Protein backbone atom coordinates (compact mmCIF):
# COMPACT_ATOMS: atom_id res chain seq x y z
CA MET A 1 -59.80 118.55 79.36
CA CYS A 2 -58.32 120.91 76.77
CA SER A 3 -54.90 120.80 78.43
CA ARG A 4 -54.95 117.00 78.26
CA ARG A 5 -55.75 117.07 74.56
CA SER A 6 -53.05 119.68 73.94
CA GLY A 7 -50.43 117.56 75.80
CA LEU A 8 -51.44 114.46 73.89
CA ALA A 9 -51.06 116.30 70.59
CA SER A 10 -47.62 117.63 71.56
CA PHE A 11 -46.52 114.15 72.59
CA THR A 12 -47.73 112.70 69.31
CA ARG A 13 -45.92 115.33 67.28
CA GLY A 14 -42.74 114.69 69.28
CA CYS A 15 -42.92 110.96 68.62
CA ILE A 16 -43.47 111.53 64.91
CA PHE A 17 -40.46 113.93 64.77
CA ILE A 18 -38.22 111.44 66.59
CA PHE A 19 -39.36 108.61 64.31
CA LYS A 20 -38.68 110.65 61.18
CA SER A 21 -35.23 111.74 62.46
CA THR A 22 -34.31 108.17 63.35
CA LEU A 23 -35.47 106.88 59.98
CA LEU A 24 -33.52 109.61 58.13
CA ALA A 25 -30.34 108.85 60.12
CA ALA A 26 -30.72 105.13 59.41
CA LEU A 27 -31.14 105.76 55.68
CA LEU A 28 -28.06 108.05 55.67
CA LEU A 29 -25.93 105.44 57.44
CA CYS A 30 -27.09 102.72 55.02
CA SER A 31 -26.16 104.95 52.07
CA ILE A 32 -22.64 105.58 53.46
CA PHE A 33 -22.02 101.88 54.13
CA ALA A 34 -23.25 100.99 50.64
CA GLN A 35 -20.91 103.52 48.99
CA ASN A 36 -17.91 102.23 50.97
CA ALA A 37 -18.70 98.65 50.07
CA PHE A 38 -19.03 99.51 46.35
CA ALA A 39 -15.71 101.41 46.38
CA ALA A 40 -13.96 98.49 48.08
CA ASP A 41 -15.24 96.04 45.47
CA SER A 42 -14.50 98.30 42.47
CA PRO A 43 -11.72 97.28 39.99
CA ALA A 44 -9.74 100.44 40.75
CA ALA A 45 -9.72 99.62 44.46
CA LYS A 46 -8.71 96.04 43.79
CA LYS A 47 -5.96 97.26 41.46
CA GLY A 48 -4.75 99.60 44.19
CA GLU A 49 -4.76 96.75 46.70
CA GLU A 50 -2.82 94.53 44.32
CA SER A 51 -0.36 97.35 43.68
CA ASP A 52 0.12 97.86 47.41
CA GLU A 53 0.68 94.14 47.87
CA ILE A 54 3.32 94.09 45.13
CA LEU A 55 5.15 97.12 46.47
CA SER A 56 5.09 96.06 50.11
CA GLY A 57 5.35 92.28 49.71
CA PRO A 58 8.24 90.37 51.28
CA TYR A 59 9.70 89.51 47.83
CA SER A 60 9.10 92.82 46.07
CA GLU A 61 12.81 93.72 46.03
CA TYR A 62 13.52 90.55 44.03
CA GLY A 63 10.81 91.28 41.45
CA GLU A 64 11.47 91.14 37.74
CA PHE A 65 11.03 94.91 37.45
CA ASP A 66 12.33 97.45 39.93
CA SER A 67 9.64 100.00 39.10
CA SER A 68 6.83 100.76 36.72
CA GLU A 69 9.26 102.95 34.73
CA ASP A 70 11.67 100.02 34.26
CA GLU A 71 8.79 97.81 33.20
CA ALA A 72 7.62 100.40 30.67
CA ASN A 73 11.14 100.77 29.27
CA ASP A 74 11.52 97.00 28.88
CA GLU A 75 8.16 96.70 27.18
CA LYS A 76 9.13 99.51 24.79
CA PHE A 77 12.46 97.80 24.02
CA PHE A 78 10.77 94.46 23.31
CA GLN A 79 8.36 96.22 20.96
CA PHE A 80 10.65 98.68 19.16
CA GLY A 81 14.22 97.51 19.88
CA ARG A 82 16.67 95.20 18.13
CA PHE A 83 18.11 91.99 19.57
CA PHE A 84 20.68 90.48 17.19
CA GLY A 85 22.59 91.72 14.17
CA LEU A 86 24.91 90.22 11.55
CA GLY A 87 27.11 92.37 9.34
CA LEU A 88 29.86 92.49 6.73
CA GLY A 89 32.13 95.43 6.07
CA LEU A 90 35.19 96.99 4.50
CA GLY A 91 37.67 99.55 5.73
CA VAL A 92 41.25 100.62 6.08
CA THR A 93 43.89 99.93 8.76
CA GLN A 94 46.94 102.14 9.36
CA ALA A 95 49.82 101.94 11.83
CA THR A 96 51.14 105.09 13.52
CA GLY A 97 54.39 106.05 15.22
CA ASN A 98 57.43 103.98 14.31
CA ALA A 99 55.16 101.11 13.29
CA GLY A 100 53.63 103.46 10.74
CA ARG A 101 57.07 104.00 9.21
CA ILE A 102 57.33 100.25 8.67
CA TYR A 103 53.90 98.87 7.82
CA GLN A 104 52.19 100.22 4.71
CA GLY A 105 48.93 99.29 3.01
CA GLY A 106 45.95 98.16 5.05
CA PHE A 107 43.26 98.49 2.38
CA PRO A 108 41.00 96.71 2.10
CA THR A 109 40.30 95.64 5.67
CA ILE A 110 37.51 93.06 5.70
CA LEU A 111 35.33 92.23 8.68
CA ALA A 112 32.47 90.06 9.87
CA ARG A 113 30.35 91.35 12.76
CA ILE A 114 27.88 90.10 15.36
CA ASN A 115 25.84 92.51 17.48
CA TYR A 116 23.70 91.80 20.54
CA TRP A 117 21.63 94.61 22.10
CA PHE A 118 20.94 94.56 25.84
CA ASP A 119 18.67 97.63 25.60
CA PHE A 120 18.43 100.89 23.67
CA ASN A 121 21.77 102.15 25.06
CA PHE A 122 24.12 99.17 25.42
CA ALA A 123 25.20 96.48 22.96
CA LEU A 124 27.88 93.82 22.65
CA GLN A 125 29.87 93.70 19.40
CA VAL A 126 32.13 90.88 18.20
CA ASP A 127 34.30 91.61 15.16
CA VAL A 128 36.57 89.34 13.15
CA GLU A 129 38.88 91.53 11.03
CA ASN A 130 41.80 91.00 8.67
CA SER A 131 44.04 93.47 6.83
CA LYS A 132 47.00 93.12 4.45
CA HIS A 133 50.18 95.20 4.82
CA ASN A 134 53.73 95.28 3.51
CA TYR A 135 57.12 96.91 3.92
CA ASP A 136 60.39 97.07 1.99
CA ILE A 137 63.09 97.91 4.49
CA SER A 138 66.60 96.53 4.90
CA PRO A 139 67.55 93.95 6.02
CA ASP A 140 64.26 92.14 5.27
CA GLY A 141 63.51 93.58 1.86
CA LEU A 142 60.03 93.30 0.40
CA THR A 143 57.84 91.62 3.04
CA SER A 144 54.09 90.97 3.11
CA VAL A 145 52.26 91.27 6.43
CA ASN A 146 48.88 89.99 7.58
CA LEU A 147 47.14 91.48 10.63
CA PHE A 148 44.27 89.37 12.01
CA ARG A 149 42.20 90.19 15.11
CA VAL A 150 39.10 89.11 17.03
CA LEU A 151 37.56 91.98 19.01
CA PHE A 152 35.01 92.01 21.84
CA ASP A 153 33.57 95.48 22.35
CA VAL A 154 30.83 97.19 24.32
CA LYS A 155 28.92 99.94 22.52
CA TYR A 156 27.10 102.79 24.25
CA TYR A 157 24.44 104.61 22.22
CA PHE A 158 23.66 108.18 23.26
CA ASP A 159 20.05 109.04 24.07
CA THR A 160 19.16 111.39 21.20
CA ARG A 161 15.40 111.72 21.75
CA ASP A 162 15.69 115.35 22.83
CA LEU A 163 18.27 116.30 20.19
CA SER A 164 17.83 117.48 16.62
CA ALA A 165 16.62 115.12 13.91
CA PRO A 166 19.98 114.85 12.05
CA ILE A 167 21.78 113.76 15.24
CA THR A 168 19.03 111.26 16.02
CA PHE A 169 19.26 109.86 12.50
CA VAL A 170 23.00 109.09 12.62
CA GLY A 171 22.88 107.26 15.99
CA PRO A 172 26.21 108.34 17.59
CA HIS A 173 27.85 105.83 19.93
CA LEU A 174 31.07 105.05 21.82
CA ILE A 175 33.03 101.79 21.64
CA ALA A 176 35.52 100.19 24.04
CA GLY A 177 36.88 96.69 24.46
CA GLY A 178 39.76 94.36 23.70
CA GLY A 179 40.72 91.28 21.81
CA PHE A 180 43.26 88.92 20.28
CA TYR A 181 45.73 90.15 17.63
CA GLN A 182 47.98 88.14 15.33
CA ARG A 183 50.59 89.70 13.05
CA THR A 184 52.26 87.46 10.45
CA ASP A 185 55.34 88.64 8.52
CA ASN A 186 56.38 86.79 5.36
CA ILE A 187 60.03 87.83 5.22
CA GLY A 188 61.27 88.81 1.77
CA ALA A 189 63.52 86.58 -0.30
CA GLY A 190 66.15 89.32 -0.52
CA ASN A 191 67.08 89.08 3.14
CA ALA A 192 70.84 88.86 3.59
CA ASP A 193 70.37 86.20 6.27
CA ALA A 194 69.58 82.98 4.41
CA THR A 195 67.92 81.53 7.52
CA LEU A 196 65.35 84.37 7.45
CA ALA A 197 64.77 84.67 3.71
CA ASN A 198 61.27 83.43 2.76
CA SER A 199 60.56 82.60 6.41
CA VAL A 200 57.29 83.33 8.24
CA GLN A 201 57.31 85.05 11.61
CA SER A 202 54.10 85.22 13.64
CA GLU A 203 53.47 87.36 16.72
CA ASN A 204 50.40 87.03 18.98
CA ALA A 205 49.20 89.50 21.60
CA PHE A 206 46.17 90.78 23.49
CA GLY A 207 45.30 94.42 23.21
CA PHE A 208 42.68 97.08 23.88
CA ASN A 209 40.72 99.36 21.61
CA PHE A 210 38.42 102.35 21.89
CA GLY A 211 36.66 104.71 19.53
CA GLY A 212 33.24 105.71 18.27
CA GLY A 213 30.92 105.66 15.34
CA PHE A 214 27.63 106.46 13.70
CA GLU A 215 24.73 104.23 12.70
CA LEU A 216 22.48 105.23 9.81
CA THR A 217 19.05 103.64 9.59
CA LEU A 218 18.36 102.24 6.12
CA LYS A 219 15.30 100.24 7.19
CA PRO A 220 14.07 100.48 10.81
CA LYS A 221 14.71 97.31 12.83
CA LYS A 222 16.02 95.62 9.66
CA THR A 223 19.06 97.20 7.99
CA TYR A 224 21.68 99.67 9.24
CA LEU A 225 24.91 101.19 7.97
CA GLN A 226 27.54 101.33 10.72
CA ILE A 227 30.53 103.68 10.38
CA GLN A 228 33.20 103.20 13.05
CA SER A 229 36.76 104.24 13.89
CA LEU A 230 38.95 102.53 16.48
CA VAL A 231 42.35 103.02 18.07
CA HIS A 232 44.13 99.73 18.84
CA LEU A 233 46.66 99.61 21.68
CA VAL A 234 48.53 96.33 21.21
CA GLN A 235 52.10 95.44 22.12
CA PHE A 236 53.67 92.50 20.32
CA SER A 237 56.72 90.75 21.78
CA ASP A 238 59.00 92.32 19.12
CA GLN A 239 57.71 95.81 19.90
CA PHE A 240 61.22 97.05 20.73
CA ASP A 241 63.06 95.05 18.07
CA LYS A 242 66.16 96.92 16.80
CA LYS A 243 66.16 95.20 13.41
CA PHE A 244 65.52 98.41 11.46
CA VAL A 245 67.87 100.74 13.38
CA SER A 246 70.16 100.93 10.35
CA SER A 247 67.21 102.38 8.39
CA GLY A 248 66.53 104.99 11.09
CA ILE A 249 63.63 103.17 12.76
CA PRO A 250 64.50 102.34 16.41
CA ASP A 251 61.53 100.04 17.17
CA ARG A 252 58.00 99.00 16.09
CA THR A 253 56.01 101.00 18.64
CA GLY A 254 52.81 102.83 17.79
CA PRO A 255 49.04 102.25 17.94
CA TRP A 256 47.02 101.01 14.96
CA LEU A 257 43.97 102.82 13.58
CA THR A 258 41.00 101.37 11.71
CA ALA A 259 38.03 102.96 9.95
CA THR A 260 35.29 100.67 8.68
CA VAL A 261 31.89 100.79 7.02
CA SER A 262 29.63 97.78 7.48
CA LEU A 263 26.12 96.75 6.50
CA VAL A 264 24.24 95.11 9.39
CA TRP A 265 21.01 93.14 9.23
CA THR A 266 19.08 92.99 12.51
CA TRP A 267 16.05 91.27 13.99
C-alpha cells in the first residue's frame, strides 16, 4: 500500500515538473518572438530596410546621389555655397616679347564679370575686358590701339579647410580657358603712306589664357574682392609682320599679361 502511494507521489511530482518546464519554455519562446517582431517593426529597422532597398535596387546606379557623402556635400553646398556672381573691375594689360616693344600703355583695363559656381571647387567665369594701348614707331607714327576680348574660363578653388587661417581667407585658385580677341590699330596721321594714314586696321583671333588669383571675403556669400593675373597666348594674323624691321623689331610676337582687381556680388 505504501509503495503504491509513494509511486503515485513520484508520478505527480514528475508531471508537475514537466508541466512547469513546458510552460517556462513556451514563455521563453513567446518572449523571443515578441522581441524579433518589435525589432522588425522599429523605425531603425525600417530605415535599414529602406537603405538596403536603395543601395541594391535595380536603378540605384542612376540615383541622384552616388553616395551618402556626395549627398552631404551637395546639401552643404546648397546651404553655404554661392551660385551666381556679377562683378566690375580694373587692372593693367601689358604685352611682352617683341609685342611689348611696340604696344605701350594698358592702364586702365576695365572688365565686367559673370561667375557661376558648380560646387565649392569649380566655377565658370565669363569676362568682357577692354584696354587702351599706343605706340609711336616708324613708319606708322603715333598710333592708338584698342584690345578687346571675351574670355571663358574655368576656375579651380583649392580646398583650404586643413590649412592655416590666412590661406583660407584669401581663397587661392587656378584659372584656365580661352576666348575671342580683337586688336584695333588707329594708324597715325604721320604715316608716310597716304593710304594708311588715319586708317583703322582690325585683327581678330582666338586664344588661350591661364593664371591664378586670390579671393578675399568682404561679406560671406555676398561680396568678394577677386585679384587675378592671366597670361594670354593669342596669335593675330599679322603676328610676323615685318613693318617695324627698320626700327629693330622683327615681328609682333609675344604673350600678353593682365592683372585685375574686381568687386563681385554673389547670391
